[in-house]
Amino acid sequence: HTHTNTPREGGEPWKITIAVTDTGRGFDAPTTSSDSSALFNDFSQMCPDDSLTGTGLGLGLTRTIVESMGGGCSITSGGAGKGALATIWFMTFAEEKTHTDTDT
């Protein structure tokens, strides 16, 4: 059995988006874009003075890796106690590829 993926008409890029939600502690919406950007700083934690564990590197490393591949990332929350939505995205051009069910 053969399957073929073809490029989009006109060579337009595909946007690949991965979104993850959680039901954790959430956070109040940042008031400025620099506040929002600060969430991705290395060693940054939302509440560094309470009992949170971790190094504060997760979002910073994520942003570095995603941006090195030409993508972007964001994180939003409905407020304290309402979890968060983390989103990463990449743009890619599809190439024609034919494969069979036995390809790995």
Protein backbone atom coordinates (compact mmCIF):
# COMPACT_ATOMS: atom_id res chain seq x y z
CA HIS A 1 0.00 0.00 0.00
CA THR A 2 1.45 3.38 -1.03
CA HIS A 3 0.67 6.80 0.41
CA THR A 4 1.81 10.12 -1.08
CA ASN A 5 2.06 13.48 0.67
CA THR A 6 2.15 16.37 -1.77
CA PRO A 7 3.32 19.94 -1.16
CA ARG A 8 0.78 22.70 -0.74
CA GLU A 9 -0.06 24.64 -3.86
CA GLY A 10 2.34 27.50 -4.55
CA GLY A 11 4.92 26.21 -2.08
CA GLU A 12 3.09 27.73 0.89
CA PRO A 13 4.44 26.65 4.28
CA TRP A 14 2.54 24.46 6.71
CA LYS A 15 2.11 25.73 10.25
CA ILE A 16 2.51 22.96 12.80
CA THR A 17 1.07 23.84 16.21
CA ILE A 18 1.32 21.85 19.42
CA ALA A 19 -0.78 23.03 22.36
CA VAL A 20 -0.75 21.55 25.87
CA THR A 21 -3.16 22.48 28.65
CA ASP A 22 -2.92 21.67 32.31
CA THR A 23 -5.07 22.10 35.39
CA GLY A 24 -2.26 23.39 37.61
CA ARG A 25 -1.96 26.58 39.61
CA GLY A 26 -2.16 28.91 36.59
CA PHE A 27 -1.20 32.57 36.88
CA ASP A 28 -2.66 36.05 36.56
CA ALA A 29 -2.31 37.47 33.06
CA PRO A 30 0.92 39.45 32.58
CA THR A 31 0.24 43.18 32.31
CA THR A 32 2.88 43.93 29.65
CA SER A 33 4.63 42.05 26.87
CA SER A 34 7.87 42.24 28.87
CA ASP A 35 6.09 40.56 31.82
CA SER A 36 4.95 37.81 29.47
CA SER A 37 8.45 37.43 28.02
CA ALA A 38 9.89 37.17 31.54
CA LEU A 39 8.10 33.83 31.96
CA PHE A 40 10.64 32.37 29.50
CA ASN A 41 13.76 33.70 31.27
CA ASP A 42 16.17 31.09 32.61
CA PHE A 43 15.77 30.40 36.34
CA SER A 44 12.43 32.24 36.36
CA GLN A 45 9.57 30.92 38.47
CA MET A 46 6.10 32.32 38.95
CA CYS A 47 6.31 32.16 42.75
CA PRO A 48 9.97 31.70 43.72
CA ASP A 49 9.28 32.27 47.42
CA ASP A 50 6.81 29.42 48.01
CA SER A 51 7.12 25.65 47.95
CA LEU A 52 7.50 25.17 44.17
CA THR A 53 10.23 22.78 43.17
CA GLY A 54 12.29 22.93 40.01
CA THR A 55 15.02 25.08 38.54
CA GLY A 56 12.96 27.50 36.46
CA LEU A 57 14.67 26.32 33.26
CA GLY A 58 11.82 24.51 31.49
CA LEU A 59 10.23 27.40 29.59
CA GLY A 60 13.59 29.04 28.84
CA LEU A 61 14.99 25.85 27.34
CA THR A 62 11.77 25.29 25.40
CA ARG A 63 11.93 28.77 23.87
CA THR A 64 15.62 28.37 22.95
CA ILE A 65 15.04 25.04 21.21
CA VAL A 66 11.85 26.08 19.41
CA GLU A 67 13.27 29.42 18.20
CA SER A 68 16.45 27.69 16.98
CA MET A 69 14.18 25.72 14.63
CA GLY A 70 12.43 28.87 13.38
CA GLY A 71 9.35 28.50 15.57
CA GLY A 72 7.81 30.36 18.45
CA CYS A 73 6.06 29.71 21.73
CA SER A 74 3.62 31.28 24.12
CA ILE A 75 1.92 30.54 27.42
CA THR A 76 -1.38 31.89 28.72
CA SER A 77 -3.61 31.27 31.70
CA GLY A 78 -7.18 32.07 32.64
CA GLY A 79 -5.91 33.22 36.03
CA ALA A 80 -4.68 31.84 39.32
CA GLY A 81 -5.99 28.32 39.94
CA LYS A 82 -7.18 27.89 36.33
CA GLY A 83 -4.25 26.06 34.73
CA ALA A 84 -2.29 27.18 31.68
CA LEU A 85 -2.10 26.72 27.91
CA ALA A 86 1.39 26.35 26.43
CA THR A 87 1.67 26.55 22.63
CA ILE A 88 4.62 25.99 20.29
CA TRP A 89 4.58 26.36 16.51
CA PHE A 90 6.83 25.76 13.53
CA MET A 91 6.58 26.64 9.86
CA THR A 92 7.66 24.00 7.37
CA PHE A 93 7.47 23.32 3.68
CA ALA A 94 6.08 19.94 2.78
CA GLU A 95 8.12 17.87 0.37
CA GLU A 96 6.64 15.22 -1.82
CA LYS A 97 7.36 11.87 -0.25
CA THR A 98 6.11 8.45 -1.13
CA HIS A 99 6.29 5.68 1.41
CA THR A 100 4.88 2.23 1.90
CA ASP A 101 3.42 0.56 4.95
CA THR A 102 6.74 -1.25 5.47
CA ASP A 103 8.76 2.00 5.78
CA THR A 104 9.91 2.82 9.30
